[in-house]
PDB file of all heavy atoms in Angstrom:
ATOM      1  N   ALA A   1      15.734  -7.696 -43.444  1.00  0.00           N
ATOM      2  CA  ALA A   1      15.214  -7.441 -42.095  1.00  0.00           C
ATOM      3  C   ALA A   1      16.336  -7.023 -41.146  1.00  0.00           C
ATOM      4  O   ALA A   1      16.182  -6.092 -40.335  1.00  0.00           O
ATOM      5  CB  ALA A   1      14.525  -8.698 -41.580  1.00  0.00           C
ATOM      6  N   LEU A   2      17.464  -7.678 -41.244  1.00  0.00           N
ATOM      7  CA  LEU A   2      18.607  -7.316 -40.379  1.00  0.00           C
ATOM      8  C   LEU A   2      19.143  -5.948 -40.697  1.00  0.00           C
ATOM      9  O   LEU A   2      19.414  -5.111 -39.811  1.00  0.00           O
ATOM     10  CB  LEU A   2      19.731  -8.368 -40.544  1.00  0.00           C
ATOM     11  CG  LEU A   2      21.006  -8.142 -39.746  1.00  0.00           C
ATOM     12  CD1 LEU A   2      20.733  -8.109 -38.285  1.00  0.00           C
ATOM     13  CD2 LEU A   2      22.027  -9.220 -40.095  1.00  0.00           C
ATOM     14  N   ARG A   3      19.245  -5.648 -41.977  1.00  0.00           N
ATOM     15  CA  ARG A   3      19.747  -4.314 -42.392  1.00  0.00           C
ATOM     16  C   ARG A   3      18.787  -3.209 -41.937  1.00  0.00           C
ATOM     17  O   ARG A   3      19.229  -2.196 -41.422  1.00  0.00           O
ATOM     18  CB  ARG A   3      19.917  -4.271 -43.925  1.00  0.00           C
ATOM     19  CG  ARG A   3      20.563  -2.966 -44.367  1.00  0.00           C
ATOM     20  CD  ARG A   3      20.668  -2.885 -45.883  1.00  0.00           C
ATOM     21  NE  ARG A   3      21.458  -1.798 -46.313  1.00  0.00           N
ATOM     22  CZ  ARG A   3      21.058  -0.535 -46.371  1.00  0.00           C
ATOM     23  NH1 ARG A   3      19.872  -0.209 -45.943  1.00  0.00           N
ATOM     24  NH2 ARG A   3      21.866   0.430 -46.800  1.00  0.00           N
ATOM     25  N   GLU A   4      17.493  -3.447 -42.086  1.00  0.00           N
ATOM     26  CA  GLU A   4      16.537  -2.404 -41.669  1.00  0.00           C
ATOM     27  C   GLU A   4      16.528  -2.207 -40.164  1.00  0.00           C
ATOM     28  O   GLU A   4      16.420  -1.096 -39.689  1.00  0.00           O
ATOM     29  CB  GLU A   4      15.119  -2.786 -42.168  1.00  0.00           C
ATOM     30  CG  GLU A   4      14.971  -2.566 -43.632  1.00  0.00           C
ATOM     31  CD  GLU A   4      13.547  -2.839 -44.091  1.00  0.00           C
ATOM     32  OE1 GLU A   4      12.624  -2.718 -43.262  1.00  0.00           O
ATOM     33  OE2 GLU A   4      13.389  -3.167 -45.276  1.00  0.00           O
ATOM     34  N   SER A   5      16.715  -3.278 -39.403  1.00  0.00           N
ATOM     35  CA  SER A   5      16.763  -3.145 -37.950  1.00  0.00           C
ATOM     36  C   SER A   5      18.016  -2.381 -37.509  1.00  0.00           C
ATOM     37  O   SER A   5      17.989  -1.599 -36.579  1.00  0.00           O
ATOM     38  CB  SER A   5      16.694  -4.483 -37.252  1.00  0.00           C
ATOM     39  OG  SER A   5      17.844  -5.221 -37.484  1.00  0.00           O
ATOM     40  N   MET A   6      19.141  -2.625 -38.228  1.00  0.00           N
ATOM     41  CA  MET A   6      20.360  -1.890 -37.922  1.00  0.00           C
ATOM     42  C   MET A   6      20.243  -0.426 -38.287  1.00  0.00           C
ATOM     43  O   MET A   6      20.731   0.442 -37.570  1.00  0.00           O
ATOM     44  CB  MET A   6      21.572  -2.570 -38.601  1.00  0.00           C
ATOM     45  CG  MET A   6      21.917  -3.911 -38.002  1.00  0.00           C
ATOM     46  SD  MET A   6      23.326  -4.683 -38.802  1.00  0.00           S
ATOM     47  CE  MET A   6      24.642  -3.659 -38.227  1.00  0.00           C
ATOM     48  N   THR A   7      19.656  -0.153 -39.468  1.00  0.00           N
ATOM     49  CA  THR A   7      19.525   1.264 -39.878  1.00  0.00           C
ATOM     50  C   THR A   7      18.536   1.989 -38.989  1.00  0.00           C
ATOM     51  O   THR A   7      18.691   3.184 -38.753  1.00  0.00           O
ATOM     52  CB  THR A   7      19.099   1.375 -41.357  1.00  0.00           C
ATOM     53  OG1 THR A   7      17.927   0.612 -41.557  1.00  0.00           O
ATOM     54  CG2 THR A   7      20.201   0.958 -42.282  1.00  0.00           C
ATOM     55  N   SER A   8      17.505   1.299 -38.471  1.00  0.00           N
ATOM     56  CA  SER A   8      16.564   1.982 -37.575  1.00  0.00           C
ATOM     57  C   SER A   8      17.162   2.275 -36.232  1.00  0.00           C
ATOM     58  O   SER A   8      16.864   3.301 -35.628  1.00  0.00           O
ATOM     59  CB  SER A   8      15.283   1.155 -37.427  1.00  0.00           C
ATOM     60  OG  SER A   8      15.579  -0.050 -36.744  1.00  0.00           O
ATOM     61  N   SER A   9      18.063   1.428 -35.753  1.00  0.00           N
ATOM     62  CA  SER A   9      18.669   1.684 -34.448  1.00  0.00           C
ATOM     63  C   SER A   9      19.892   2.587 -34.551  1.00  0.00           C
ATOM     64  O   SER A   9      20.132   3.383 -33.672  1.00  0.00           O
ATOM     65  CB  SER A   9      19.074   0.368 -33.783  1.00  0.00           C
ATOM     66  OG  SER A   9      20.064  -0.293 -34.540  1.00  0.00           O
ATOM     67  N   LEU A  10      20.658   2.482 -35.636  1.00  0.00           N
ATOM     68  CA  LEU A  10      21.875   3.289 -35.794  1.00  0.00           C
ATOM     69  C   LEU A  10      21.693   4.505 -36.687  1.00  0.00           C
ATOM     70  O   LEU A  10      22.515   5.406 -36.648  1.00  0.00           O
ATOM     71  CB  LEU A  10      23.015   2.449 -36.370  1.00  0.00           C
ATOM     72  CG  LEU A  10      23.490   1.219 -35.567  1.00  0.00           C
ATOM     73  CD1 LEU A  10      24.442   0.404 -36.372  1.00  0.00           C
ATOM     74  CD2 LEU A  10      24.126   1.663 -34.267  1.00  0.00           C
ATOM     75  N   GLY A  11      20.662   4.521 -37.485  1.00  0.00           N
ATOM     76  CA  GLY A  11      20.509   5.540 -38.487  1.00  0.00           C
ATOM     77  C   GLY A  11      21.263   5.123 -39.757  1.00  0.00           C
ATOM     78  O   GLY A  11      22.130   4.276 -39.715  1.00  0.00           O
ATOM     79  N   GLU A  12      20.923   5.750 -40.870  1.00  0.00           N
ATOM     80  CA  GLU A  12      21.566   5.393 -42.143  1.00  0.00           C
ATOM     81  C   GLU A  12      23.079   5.623 -42.110  1.00  0.00           C
ATOM     82  O   GLU A  12      23.861   4.804 -42.504  1.00  0.00           O
ATOM     83  CB  GLU A  12      20.928   6.164 -43.279  1.00  0.00           C
ATOM     84  CG  GLU A  12      21.396   5.748 -44.681  1.00  0.00           C
ATOM     85  CD  GLU A  12      20.910   4.345 -45.074  1.00  0.00           C
ATOM     86  OE1 GLU A  12      19.861   3.909 -44.610  1.00  0.00           O
ATOM     87  OE2 GLU A  12      21.642   3.706 -45.861  1.00  0.00           O
ATOM     88  N   ASN A  13      23.483   6.831 -41.631  1.00  0.00           N
ATOM     89  CA  ASN A  13      24.899   7.121 -41.584  1.00  0.00           C
ATOM     90  C   ASN A  13      25.626   6.275 -40.546  1.00  0.00           C
ATOM     91  O   ASN A  13      26.772   5.905 -40.732  1.00  0.00           O
ATOM     92  CB  ASN A  13      25.097   8.610 -41.280  1.00  0.00           C
ATOM     93  CG  ASN A  13      24.732   9.462 -42.445  1.00  0.00           C
ATOM     94  OD1 ASN A  13      24.762   9.034 -43.593  1.00  0.00           O
ATOM     95  ND2 ASN A  13      24.359  10.720 -42.179  1.00  0.00           N
ATOM     96  N   GLY A  14      24.957   5.959 -39.431  1.00  0.00           N
ATOM     97  CA  GLY A  14      25.592   5.110 -38.424  1.00  0.00           C
ATOM     98  C   GLY A  14      25.810   3.710 -38.970  1.00  0.00           C
ATOM     99  O   GLY A  14      26.854   3.078 -38.720  1.00  0.00           O
ATOM    100  N   TYR A  15      24.831   3.183 -39.654  1.00  0.00           N
ATOM    101  CA  TYR A  15      24.975   1.860 -40.298  1.00  0.00           C
ATOM    102  C   TYR A  15      26.107   1.860 -41.314  1.00  0.00           C
ATOM    103  O   TYR A  15      26.944   0.945 -41.314  1.00  0.00           O
ATOM    104  CB  TYR A  15      23.674   1.447 -40.969  1.00  0.00           C
ATOM    105  CG  TYR A  15      23.815   0.275 -41.893  1.00  0.00           C
ATOM    106  CD1 TYR A  15      23.941  -1.005 -41.397  1.00  0.00           C
ATOM    107  CD2 TYR A  15      23.835   0.449 -43.282  1.00  0.00           C
ATOM    108  CE1 TYR A  15      24.101  -2.099 -42.234  1.00  0.00           C
ATOM    109  CE2 TYR A  15      23.979  -0.618 -44.121  1.00  0.00           C
ATOM    110  CZ  TYR A  15      24.112  -1.891 -43.606  1.00  0.00           C
ATOM    111  OH  TYR A  15      24.270  -2.960 -44.443  1.00  0.00           O
ATOM    112  N   LYS A  16      26.149   2.870 -42.148  1.00  0.00           N
ATOM    113  CA  LYS A  16      27.224   2.935 -43.159  1.00  0.00           C
ATOM    114  C   LYS A  16      28.585   3.090 -42.510  1.00  0.00           C
ATOM    115  O   LYS A  16      29.557   2.484 -42.959  1.00  0.00           O
ATOM    116  CB  LYS A  16      26.971   4.099 -44.125  1.00  0.00           C
ATOM    117  CG  LYS A  16      25.827   3.839 -45.079  1.00  0.00           C
ATOM    118  CD  LYS A  16      25.628   5.015 -46.033  1.00  0.00           C
ATOM    119  CE  LYS A  16      24.471   4.776 -46.964  1.00  0.00           C
ATOM    120  NZ  LYS A  16      24.239   5.926 -47.866  1.00  0.00           N
ATOM    121  N   GLY A  17      28.644   3.875 -41.433  1.00  0.00           N
ATOM    122  CA  GLY A  17      29.903   4.046 -40.737  1.00  0.00           C
ATOM    123  C   GLY A  17      30.383   2.727 -40.087  1.00  0.00           C
ATOM    124  O   GLY A  17      31.554   2.377 -40.190  1.00  0.00           O
ATOM    125  N   LEU A  18      29.447   2.009 -39.467  1.00  0.00           N
ATOM    126  CA  LEU A  18      29.801   0.719 -38.861  1.00  0.00           C
ATOM    127  C   LEU A  18      30.194  -0.274 -39.930  1.00  0.00           C
ATOM    128  O   LEU A  18      31.179  -1.036 -39.757  1.00  0.00           O
ATOM    129  CB  LEU A  18      28.587   0.185 -38.056  1.00  0.00           C
ATOM    130  CG  LEU A  18      28.798  -1.164 -37.371  1.00  0.00           C
ATOM    131  CD1 LEU A  18      29.843  -1.005 -36.267  1.00  0.00           C
ATOM    132  CD2 LEU A  18      27.465  -1.668 -36.811  1.00  0.00           C
ATOM    133  N   PHE A  19      29.497  -0.274 -41.063  1.00  0.00           N
ATOM    134  CA  PHE A  19      29.813  -1.174 -42.190  1.00  0.00           C
ATOM    135  C   PHE A  19      31.257  -0.886 -42.671  1.00  0.00           C
ATOM    136  O   PHE A  19      32.037  -1.811 -42.864  1.00  0.00           O
ATOM    137  CB  PHE A  19      28.808  -0.967 -43.305  1.00  0.00           C
ATOM    138  CG  PHE A  19      28.917  -1.966 -44.409  1.00  0.00           C
ATOM    139  CD1 PHE A  19      28.194  -3.144 -44.364  1.00  0.00           C
ATOM    140  CD2 PHE A  19      29.756  -1.746 -45.486  1.00  0.00           C
ATOM    141  CE1 PHE A  19      28.272  -4.098 -45.378  1.00  0.00           C
ATOM    142  CE2 PHE A  19      29.847  -2.662 -46.528  1.00  0.00           C
ATOM    143  CZ  PHE A  19      29.110  -3.856 -46.470  1.00  0.00           C
ATOM    144  N   LYS A  20      31.571   0.381 -42.852  1.00  0.00           N
ATOM    145  CA  LYS A  20      32.908   0.728 -43.330  1.00  0.00           C
ATOM    146  C   LYS A  20      33.966   0.351 -42.316  1.00  0.00           C
ATOM    147  O   LYS A  20      35.041  -0.168 -42.677  1.00  0.00           O
ATOM    148  CB  LYS A  20      32.988   2.229 -43.616  1.00  0.00           C
ATOM    149  CG  LYS A  20      32.198   2.666 -44.814  1.00  0.00           C
ATOM    150  CD  LYS A  20      32.220   4.166 -44.967  1.00  0.00           C
ATOM    151  CE  LYS A  20      31.302   4.622 -46.061  1.00  0.00           C
ATOM    152  NZ  LYS A  20      31.249   6.071 -46.193  1.00  0.00           N
ATOM    153  N   LEU A  21      33.719   0.603 -41.028  1.00  0.00           N
ATOM    154  CA  LEU A  21      34.688   0.324 -39.989  1.00  0.00           C
ATOM    155  C   LEU A  21      34.975  -1.185 -39.885  1.00  0.00           C
ATOM    156  O   LEU A  21      36.120  -1.594 -39.852  1.00  0.00           O
ATOM    157  CB  LEU A  21      34.211   0.888 -38.648  1.00  0.00           C
ATOM    158  CG  LEU A  21      35.144   0.631 -37.458  1.00  0.00           C
ATOM    159  CD1 LEU A  21      36.433   1.415 -37.634  1.00  0.00           C
ATOM    160  CD2 LEU A  21      34.445   1.049 -36.168  1.00  0.00           C
ATOM    161  N   VAL A  22      33.918  -1.972 -39.833  1.00  0.00           N
ATOM    162  CA  VAL A  22      34.093  -3.433 -39.695  1.00  0.00           C
ATOM    163  C   VAL A  22      34.750  -3.997 -40.985  1.00  0.00           C
ATOM    164  O   VAL A  22      35.614  -4.874 -40.895  1.00  0.00           O
ATOM    165  CB  VAL A  22      32.739  -4.128 -39.420  1.00  0.00           C
ATOM    166  CG1 VAL A  22      32.902  -5.624 -39.450  1.00  0.00           C
ATOM    167  CG2 VAL A  22      32.210  -3.676 -38.068  1.00  0.00           C
ATOM    168  N   SER A  23      34.391  -3.464 -42.133  1.00  0.00           N
ATOM    169  CA  SER A  23      35.039  -3.903 -43.379  1.00  0.00           C
ATOM    170  C   SER A  23      36.524  -3.593 -43.390  1.00  0.00           C
ATOM    171  O   SER A  23      37.360  -4.423 -43.791  1.00  0.00           O
ATOM    172  CB  SER A  23      34.391  -3.246 -44.599  1.00  0.00           C
ATOM    173  OG  SER A  23      33.063  -3.648 -44.759  1.00  0.00           O
ATOM    174  N   LEU A  24      36.855  -2.401 -42.928  1.00  0.00           N
ATOM    175  CA  LEU A  24      38.270  -1.982 -42.892  1.00  0.00           C
ATOM    176  C   LEU A  24      39.051  -2.841 -41.891  1.00  0.00           C
ATOM    177  O   LEU A  24      40.170  -3.257 -42.178  1.00  0.00           O
ATOM    178  CB  LEU A  24      38.358  -0.494 -42.535  1.00  0.00           C
ATOM    179  CG  LEU A  24      39.760   0.082 -42.531  1.00  0.00           C
ATOM    180  CD1 LEU A  24      40.388   0.016 -43.920  1.00  0.00           C
ATOM    181  CD2 LEU A  24      39.754   1.517 -42.041  1.00  0.00           C
ATOM    182  N   ILE A  25      38.441  -3.092 -40.724  1.00  0.00           N
ATOM    183  CA  ILE A  25      39.141  -3.941 -39.746  1.00  0.00           C
ATOM    184  C   ILE A  25      39.349  -5.354 -40.335  1.00  0.00           C
ATOM    185  O   ILE A  25      40.438  -5.908 -40.197  1.00  0.00           O
ATOM    186  CB  ILE A  25      38.337  -4.009 -38.434  1.00  0.00           C
ATOM    187  CG1 ILE A  25      38.370  -2.665 -37.710  1.00  0.00           C
ATOM    188  CG2 ILE A  25      38.843  -5.133 -37.518  1.00  0.00           C
ATOM    189  CD1 ILE A  25      37.434  -2.543 -36.550  1.00  0.00           C
ATOM    190  N   GLY A  26      38.354  -5.908 -41.005  1.00  0.00           N
ATOM    191  CA  GLY A  26      38.489  -7.215 -41.634  1.00  0.00           C
ATOM    192  C   GLY A  26      39.557  -7.224 -42.692  1.00  0.00           C
ATOM    193  O   GLY A  26      40.396  -8.130 -42.755  1.00  0.00           O
ATOM    194  N   LEU A  27      39.608  -6.185 -43.510  1.00  0.00           N
ATOM    195  CA  LEU A  27      40.606  -6.082 -44.548  1.00  0.00           C
ATOM    196  C   LEU A  27      42.026  -5.968 -43.957  1.00  0.00           C
ATOM    197  O   LEU A  27      42.979  -6.624 -44.456  1.00  0.00           O
ATOM    198  CB  LEU A  27      40.319  -4.893 -45.464  1.00  0.00           C
ATOM    199  CG  LEU A  27      41.199  -4.749 -46.712  1.00  0.00           C
ATOM    200  CD1 LEU A  27      41.033  -5.971 -47.605  1.00  0.00           C
ATOM    201  CD2 LEU A  27      40.858  -3.480 -47.443  1.00  0.00           C
ATOM    202  N   VAL A  28      42.179  -5.138 -42.912  1.00  0.00           N
ATOM    203  CA  VAL A  28      43.487  -5.036 -42.258  1.00  0.00           C
ATOM    204  C   VAL A  28      43.922  -6.371 -41.673  1.00  0.00           C
ATOM    205  O   VAL A  28      45.070  -6.769 -41.797  1.00  0.00           O
ATOM    206  CB  VAL A  28      43.431  -3.930 -41.176  1.00  0.00           C
ATOM    207  CG1 VAL A  28      44.662  -3.998 -40.286  1.00  0.00           C
ATOM    208  CG2 VAL A  28      43.313  -2.554 -41.837  1.00  0.00           C
ATOM    209  N   LEU A  29      42.998  -7.094 -41.059  1.00  0.00           N
ATOM    210  CA  LEU A  29      43.326  -8.413 -40.514  1.00  0.00           C
ATOM    211  C   LEU A  29      43.717  -9.394 -41.603  1.00  0.00           C
ATOM    212  O   LEU A  29      44.619 -10.223 -41.403  1.00  0.00           O
ATOM    213  CB  LEU A  29      42.151  -8.975 -39.699  1.00  0.00           C
ATOM    214  CG  LEU A  29      41.933  -8.345 -38.337  1.00  0.00           C
ATOM    215  CD1 LEU A  29      40.642  -8.890 -37.703  1.00  0.00           C
ATOM    216  CD2 LEU A  29      43.102  -8.580 -37.426  1.00  0.00           C
ATOM    217  N   ILE A  30      43.070  -9.333 -42.758  1.00  0.00           N
ATOM    218  CA  ILE A  30      43.409 -10.204 -43.853  1.00  0.00           C
ATOM    219  C   ILE A  30      44.818  -9.917 -44.347  1.00  0.00           C
ATOM    220  O   ILE A  30      45.632 -10.828 -44.514  1.00  0.00           O
ATOM    221  CB  ILE A  30      42.391 -10.027 -45.023  1.00  0.00           C
ATOM    222  CG1 ILE A  30      41.035 -10.601 -44.650  1.00  0.00           C
ATOM    223  CG2 ILE A  30      42.889 -10.718 -46.298  1.00  0.00           C
ATOM    224  CD1 ILE A  30      39.938 -10.232 -45.614  1.00  0.00           C
ATOM    225  N   VAL A  31      45.118  -8.649 -44.523  1.00  0.00           N
ATOM    226  CA  VAL A  31      46.462  -8.289 -45.038  1.00  0.00           C
ATOM    227  C   VAL A  31      47.547  -8.640 -44.027  1.00  0.00           C
ATOM    228  O   VAL A  31      48.565  -9.243 -44.351  1.00  0.00           O
ATOM    229  CB  VAL A  31      46.523  -6.778 -45.380  1.00  0.00           C
ATOM    230  CG1 VAL A  31      47.917  -6.312 -45.695  1.00  0.00           C
ATOM    231  CG2 VAL A  31      45.583  -6.492 -46.555  1.00  0.00           C
ATOM    232  N   TYR A  32      47.309  -8.290 -42.744  1.00  0.00           N
ATOM    233  CA  TYR A  32      48.287  -8.585 -41.712  1.00  0.00           C
ATOM    234  C   TYR A  32      48.454 -10.090 -41.503  1.00  0.00           C
ATOM    235  O   TYR A  32      49.549 -10.598 -41.383  1.00  0.00           O
ATOM    236  CB  TYR A  32      47.896  -7.904 -40.408  1.00  0.00           C
ATOM    237  CG  TYR A  32      48.918  -8.056 -39.314  1.00  0.00           C
ATOM    238  CD1 TYR A  32      50.099  -7.341 -39.373  1.00  0.00           C
ATOM    239  CD2 TYR A  32      48.724  -8.886 -38.247  1.00  0.00           C
ATOM    240  CE1 TYR A  32      51.069  -7.459 -38.397  1.00  0.00           C
ATOM    241  CE2 TYR A  32      49.640  -9.020 -37.262  1.00  0.00           C
ATOM    242  CZ  TYR A  32      50.813  -8.324 -37.327  1.00  0.00           C
ATOM    243  OH  TYR A  32      51.775  -8.471 -36.349  1.00  0.00           O
ATOM    244  N   GLY A  33      47.327 -10.825 -41.513  1.00  0.00           N
ATOM    245  CA  GLY A  33      47.384 -12.268 -41.343  1.00  0.00           C
ATOM    246  C   GLY A  33      48.079 -12.951 -42.514  1.00  0.00           C
ATOM    247  O   GLY A  33      48.798 -13.912 -42.328  1.00  0.00           O
ATOM    248  N   TYR A  34      47.863 -12.453 -43.730  1.00  0.00           N
ATOM    249  CA  TYR A  34      48.568 -13.015 -44.877  1.00  0.00           C
ATOM    250  C   TYR A  34      50.071 -12.772 -44.749  1.00  0.00           C
ATOM    251  O   TYR A  34      50.871 -13.635 -45.062  1.00  0.00           O
ATOM    252  CB  TYR A  34      48.047 -12.402 -46.186  1.00  0.00           C
ATOM    253  CG  TYR A  34      48.700 -12.977 -47.400  1.00  0.00           C
ATOM    254  CD1 TYR A  34      48.318 -14.214 -47.895  1.00  0.00           C
ATOM    255  CD2 TYR A  34      49.705 -12.296 -48.077  1.00  0.00           C
ATOM    256  CE1 TYR A  34      48.902 -14.761 -49.013  1.00  0.00           C
ATOM    257  CE2 TYR A  34      50.294 -12.815 -49.202  1.00  0.00           C
ATOM    258  CZ  TYR A  34      49.893 -14.069 -49.692  1.00  0.00           C
ATOM    259  OH  TYR A  34      50.509 -14.578 -50.751  1.00  0.00           O
ATOM    260  N   GLY A  35      50.441 -11.592 -44.280  1.00  0.00           N
ATOM    261  CA  GLY A  35      51.846 -11.292 -44.067  1.00  0.00           C
ATOM    262  C   GLY A  35      52.464 -12.226 -43.019  1.00  0.00           C
ATOM    263  O   GLY A  35      53.572 -12.701 -43.199  1.00  0.00           O
ATOM    264  N   GLN A  36      51.720 -12.481 -41.973  1.00  0.00           N
ATOM    265  CA  GLN A  36      52.224 -13.410 -40.945  1.00  0.00           C
ATOM    266  C   GLN A  36      52.340 -14.828 -41.501  1.00  0.00           C
ATOM    267  O   GLN A  36      53.276 -15.536 -41.194  1.00  0.00           O
ATOM    268  CB  GLN A  36      51.286 -13.406 -39.723  1.00  0.00           C
ATOM    269  CG  GLN A  36      51.273 -12.077 -38.984  1.00  0.00           C
ATOM    270  CD  GLN A  36      52.620 -11.794 -38.334  1.00  0.00           C
ATOM    271  OE1 GLN A  36      53.594 -11.440 -39.040  1.00  0.00           O
ATOM    272  NE2 GLN A  36      52.694 -11.887 -37.042  1.00  0.00           N
ATOM    273  N   ALA A  37      51.386 -15.251 -42.294  1.00  0.00           N
ATOM    274  CA  ALA A  37      51.464 -16.579 -42.906  1.00  0.00           C
ATOM    275  C   ALA A  37      52.633 -16.685 -43.874  1.00  0.00           C
ATOM    276  O   ALA A  37      53.295 -17.748 -43.965  1.00  0.00           O
ATOM    277  CB  ALA A  37      50.168 -16.896 -43.635  1.00  0.00           C
ATOM    278  N   LYS A  38      52.913 -15.580 -44.553  1.00  0.00           N
ATOM    279  CA  LYS A  38      54.048 -15.587 -45.470  1.00  0.00           C
ATOM    280  C   LYS A  38      55.362 -15.705 -44.730  1.00  0.00           C
ATOM    281  O   LYS A  38      56.264 -16.459 -45.140  1.00  0.00           O
ATOM    282  CB  LYS A  38      54.000 -14.257 -46.257  1.00  0.00           C
ATOM    283  CG  LYS A  38      54.760 -14.220 -47.515  1.00  0.00           C
ATOM    284  CD  LYS A  38      54.482 -12.927 -48.214  1.00  0.00           C
ATOM    285  CE  LYS A  38      55.003 -12.932 -49.595  1.00  0.00           C
ATOM    286  NZ  LYS A  38      54.737 -11.683 -50.301  1.00  0.00           N
ATOM    287  N   ILE A  39      55.485 -15.027 -43.598  1.00  0.00           N
ATOM    288  CA  ILE A  39      56.686 -15.117 -42.785  1.00  0.00           C
ATOM    289  C   ILE A  39      56.842 -16.517 -42.200  1.00  0.00           C
ATOM    290  O   ILE A  39      57.929 -17.076 -42.182  1.00  0.00           O
ATOM    291  CB  ILE A  39      56.650 -14.037 -41.662  1.00  0.00           C
ATOM    292  CG1 ILE A  39      56.789 -12.642 -42.259  1.00  0.00           C
ATOM    293  CG2 ILE A  39      57.729 -14.304 -40.634  1.00  0.00           C
ATOM    294  CD1 ILE A  39      56.528 -11.526 -41.298  1.00  0.00           C
ATOM    295  N   ALA A  40      55.733 -17.088 -41.714  1.00  0.00           N
ATOM    296  CA  ALA A  40      55.796 -18.392 -41.067  1.00  0.00           C
ATOM    297  C   ALA A  40      56.130 -19.483 -42.086  1.00  0.00           C
ATOM    298  O   ALA A  40      56.853 -20.456 -41.724  1.00  0.00           O
ATOM    299  CB  ALA A  40      54.440 -18.726 -40.433  1.00  0.00           C
ATOM    300  N   SER A  41      55.699 -19.375 -43.317  1.00  0.00           N
ATOM    301  CA  SER A  41      56.008 -20.421 -44.306  1.00  0.00           C
ATOM    302  C   SER A  41      57.343 -20.212 -44.984  1.00  0.00           C
ATOM    303  O   SER A  41      57.845 -21.085 -45.663  1.00  0.00           O
ATOM    304  CB  SER A  41      54.898 -20.517 -45.326  1.00  0.00           C
ATOM    305  OG  SER A  41      54.925 -19.370 -46.169  1.00  0.00           O
ATOM    306  N   SER A  42      57.904 -19.019 -44.855  1.00  0.00           N
ATOM    307  CA  SER A  42      59.180 -18.636 -45.484  1.00  0.00           C
ATOM    308  C   SER A  42      59.231 -18.959 -46.974  1.00  0.00           C
ATOM    309  O   SER A  42      60.264 -19.382 -47.480  1.00  0.00           O
ATOM    310  CB  SER A  42      60.366 -19.240 -44.751  1.00  0.00           C
ATOM    311  OG  SER A  42      60.388 -20.648 -44.935  1.00  0.00           O
ATOM    312  N   SER A  43      58.127 -18.779 -47.663  1.00  0.00           N
ATOM    313  CA  SER A  43      58.120 -18.914 -49.123  1.00  0.00           C
ATOM    314  C   SER A  43      57.447 -17.665 -49.715  1.00  0.00           C
ATOM    315  O   SER A  43      56.855 -16.859 -48.985  1.00  0.00           O
ATOM    316  CB  SER A  43      57.361 -20.169 -49.527  1.00  0.00           C
ATOM    317  OG  SER A  43      55.986 -20.034 -49.247  1.00  0.00           O
ATOM    318  N   VAL A  44      57.573 -17.530 -50.998  1.00  0.00           N
ATOM    319  CA  VAL A  44      57.061 -16.343 -51.633  1.00  0.00           C
ATOM    320  C   VAL A  44      55.522 -16.279 -51.516  1.00  0.00           C
ATOM    321  O   VAL A  44      54.963 -15.281 -51.130  1.00  0.00           O
ATOM    322  CB  VAL A  44      57.471 -16.284 -53.119  1.00  0.00           C
ATOM    323  CG1 VAL A  44      56.852 -15.112 -53.840  1.00  0.00           C
ATOM    324  CG2 VAL A  44      58.987 -16.270 -53.226  1.00  0.00           C
ATOM    325  N   ASN A  45      54.842 -17.361 -51.843  1.00  0.00           N
ATOM    326  CA  ASN A  45      53.391 -17.439 -51.758  1.00  0.00           C
ATOM    327  C   ASN A  45      53.027 -18.612 -50.872  1.00  0.00           C
ATOM    328  O   ASN A  45      53.122 -19.780 -51.309  1.00  0.00           O
ATOM    329  CB  ASN A  45      52.759 -17.618 -53.125  1.00  0.00           C
ATOM    330  CG  ASN A  45      52.918 -16.390 -53.970  1.00  0.00           C
ATOM    331  OD1 ASN A  45      52.701 -15.290 -53.499  1.00  0.00           O
ATOM    332  ND2 ASN A  45      53.254 -16.568 -55.231  1.00  0.00           N
ATOM    333  N   PRO A  46      52.561 -18.342 -49.646  1.00  0.00           N
ATOM    334  CA  PRO A  46      52.195 -19.483 -48.772  1.00  0.00           C
ATOM    335  C   PRO A  46      50.957 -20.197 -49.317  1.00  0.00           C
ATOM    336  O   PRO A  46      50.024 -19.554 -49.795  1.00  0.00           O
ATOM    337  CB  PRO A  46      51.899 -18.788 -47.447  1.00  0.00           C
ATOM    338  CG  PRO A  46      51.555 -17.411 -47.786  1.00  0.00           C
ATOM    339  CD  PRO A  46      52.352 -17.061 -49.033  1.00  0.00           C
ATOM    340  N   GLN A  47      50.973 -21.498 -49.245  1.00  0.00           N
ATOM    341  CA  GLN A  47      49.846 -22.299 -49.670  1.00  0.00           C
ATOM    342  C   GLN A  47      48.921 -22.465 -48.496  1.00  0.00           C
ATOM    343  O   GLN A  47      49.239 -23.139 -47.509  1.00  0.00           O
ATOM    344  CB  GLN A  47      50.290 -23.606 -50.232  1.00  0.00           C
ATOM    345  CG  GLN A  47      49.232 -24.324 -51.011  1.00  0.00           C
ATOM    346  CD  GLN A  47      49.800 -25.403 -51.882  1.00  0.00           C
ATOM    347  OE1 GLN A  47      50.963 -25.737 -51.796  1.00  0.00           O
ATOM    348  NE2 GLN A  47      48.964 -25.972 -52.718  1.00  0.00           N
TER     349      GLN A  47
END
């Protein structure tokens, strides 16, 4: 229901574009945040 409401308001390509953009932002934050956690813990693999 949520997906259909988003595709009806944004269109199929708009929904896919938003999905890709938010996924990419999340992935970049994960990578950058992991790097920051690695620096803060000063070990090879932060726990």
